[in-house]
């Protein structure tokens, strides 16, 4: 049986970290928290591109490639977003977000858990 780990904190999940899955340990939600816009985008242009995409999708027409490319490049790729979230979680002391967490939870346990990241 395959094990599934949070790509941010290494917590063993009961399922694949896919849209809507929330990690009990770091508290991040796939498809929401890891959908990070780059800081250097022109936000007004970004909003226009979102509107164009939504209009085409609403009309069930193909979204123009330049719009898709622009929107893709305006967000960090998942692995980069996960690294950003991991750094933030570590800077905040690797706090357990939901529930009491395991007994004795602290930095030593968090560091051991982080070694689960990228395990097959």
Protein backbone atom coordinates (compact mmCIF):
# COMPACT_ATOMS: atom_id res chain seq x y z
CA UNK A 1 0.00 0.00 0.00
CA UNK A 2 1.36 3.42 -0.99
CA UNK A 3 1.88 6.02 1.67
CA UNK A 4 1.06 9.64 0.91
CA UNK A 5 2.88 12.53 2.54
CA UNK A 6 2.20 16.23 2.70
CA UNK A 7 4.70 17.86 0.32
CA UNK A 8 5.06 20.79 2.70
CA UNK A 9 5.67 19.20 6.12
CA UNK A 10 6.02 15.48 5.41
CA UNK A 11 3.03 14.41 7.52
CA UNK A 12 1.63 11.04 6.49
CA UNK A 13 -1.77 11.67 4.92
CA UNK A 14 -4.53 9.14 4.44
CA UNK A 15 -4.67 9.99 0.73
CA UNK A 16 -2.91 11.85 -2.07
CA UNK A 17 -2.34 15.57 -1.48
CA UNK A 18 -4.81 16.74 -4.13
CA UNK A 19 -7.25 19.65 -4.39
CA UNK A 20 -9.21 20.07 -1.19
CA UNK A 21 -6.99 17.90 1.03
CA UNK A 22 -5.98 19.72 4.21
CA UNK A 23 -2.92 18.63 6.15
CA UNK A 24 -3.68 18.33 9.87
CA UNK A 25 -0.08 19.10 10.75
CA UNK A 26 0.85 22.24 8.77
CA UNK A 27 -2.74 23.25 7.97
CA UNK A 28 -2.19 23.82 4.25
CA UNK A 29 -4.92 22.99 1.74
CA UNK A 30 -3.97 21.64 -1.66
CA UNK A 31 -5.23 23.79 -4.52
CA UNK A 32 -5.78 26.76 -2.22
CA UNK A 33 -2.78 27.58 -0.04
CA UNK A 34 -0.32 26.34 -2.65
CA UNK A 35 -1.89 28.47 -5.41
CA UNK A 36 0.47 31.40 -4.93
CA UNK A 37 0.70 34.42 -7.22
CA UNK A 38 4.14 35.80 -7.92
CA UNK A 39 4.89 39.11 -6.24
CA UNK A 40 6.13 40.90 -9.33
CA UNK A 41 3.03 40.56 -11.53
CA UNK A 42 1.03 43.52 -12.75
CA UNK A 43 -2.08 42.85 -10.68
CA UNK A 44 -4.43 44.92 -12.89
CA UNK A 45 -3.30 43.01 -15.99
CA UNK A 46 -3.63 39.76 -14.05
CA UNK A 47 -7.27 40.56 -13.18
CA UNK A 48 -8.01 41.36 -16.84
CA UNK A 49 -6.55 38.00 -17.91
CA UNK A 50 -8.64 36.20 -15.26
CA UNK A 51 -11.77 37.91 -16.59
CA UNK A 52 -10.94 36.95 -20.17
CA UNK A 53 -10.34 33.33 -19.12
CA UNK A 54 -13.60 33.21 -17.15
CA UNK A 55 -15.56 34.72 -20.06
CA UNK A 56 -14.23 32.12 -22.50
CA UNK A 57 -14.84 29.27 -20.05
CA UNK A 58 -18.38 30.51 -19.36
CA UNK A 59 -19.07 30.46 -23.12
CA UNK A 60 -17.49 26.98 -23.28
CA UNK A 61 -14.91 28.21 -25.79
CA UNK A 62 -11.18 27.48 -25.78
CA UNK A 63 -9.20 30.03 -23.79
CA UNK A 64 -6.64 31.84 -25.97
CA UNK A 65 -3.16 30.41 -25.51
CA UNK A 66 -1.60 33.76 -24.57
CA UNK A 67 -4.10 34.10 -21.70
CA UNK A 68 -3.41 30.57 -20.44
CA UNK A 69 0.34 31.13 -20.67
CA UNK A 70 0.15 34.48 -18.88
CA UNK A 71 -1.92 33.04 -16.02
CA UNK A 72 0.35 30.00 -15.69
CA UNK A 73 3.43 32.21 -15.50
CA UNK A 74 1.80 34.50 -12.92
CA UNK A 75 1.75 31.71 -10.32
CA UNK A 76 4.48 29.63 -8.76
CA UNK A 77 4.73 26.00 -9.82
CA UNK A 78 3.59 23.57 -7.11
CA UNK A 79 7.07 22.50 -5.97
CA UNK A 80 8.14 26.12 -5.58
CA UNK A 81 4.91 27.01 -3.75
CA UNK A 82 5.41 24.04 -1.41
CA UNK A 83 8.98 25.17 -0.67
CA UNK A 84 7.69 28.68 0.14
CA UNK A 85 5.02 27.25 2.45
CA UNK A 86 7.53 24.87 4.06
CA UNK A 87 9.92 27.74 4.78
CA UNK A 88 7.07 29.74 6.33
CA UNK A 89 5.93 26.76 8.45
CA UNK A 90 9.50 26.25 9.71
CA UNK A 91 9.92 29.98 10.45
CA UNK A 92 6.75 29.79 12.54
CA UNK A 93 8.22 26.97 14.62
CA UNK A 94 6.59 23.99 12.85
CA UNK A 95 3.43 24.43 14.90
CA UNK A 96 0.82 21.65 14.70
CA UNK A 97 -2.29 23.31 13.23
CA UNK A 98 -5.29 21.01 13.81
CA UNK A 99 -5.87 18.95 16.90
CA UNK A 100 -3.42 18.29 19.67
CA UNK A 101 -0.80 16.61 17.49
CA UNK A 102 1.36 13.74 18.66
CA UNK A 103 2.64 13.70 22.21
CA UNK A 104 5.97 15.49 22.49
CA UNK A 105 5.55 17.37 19.21
CA UNK A 106 8.42 19.77 18.64
CA UNK A 107 11.23 20.67 16.28
CA UNK A 108 12.97 17.29 16.57
CA UNK A 109 9.82 15.41 15.52
CA UNK A 110 9.13 17.99 12.80
CA UNK A 111 12.63 17.57 11.33
CA UNK A 112 12.19 13.79 11.28
CA UNK A 113 8.82 14.18 9.59
CA UNK A 114 10.25 16.53 6.95
CA UNK A 115 12.46 13.65 5.78
CA UNK A 116 9.28 12.02 4.40
CA UNK A 117 9.07 14.62 1.66
CA UNK A 118 9.76 13.19 -1.79
CA UNK A 119 9.59 9.59 -0.56
CA UNK A 120 8.09 7.32 -3.20
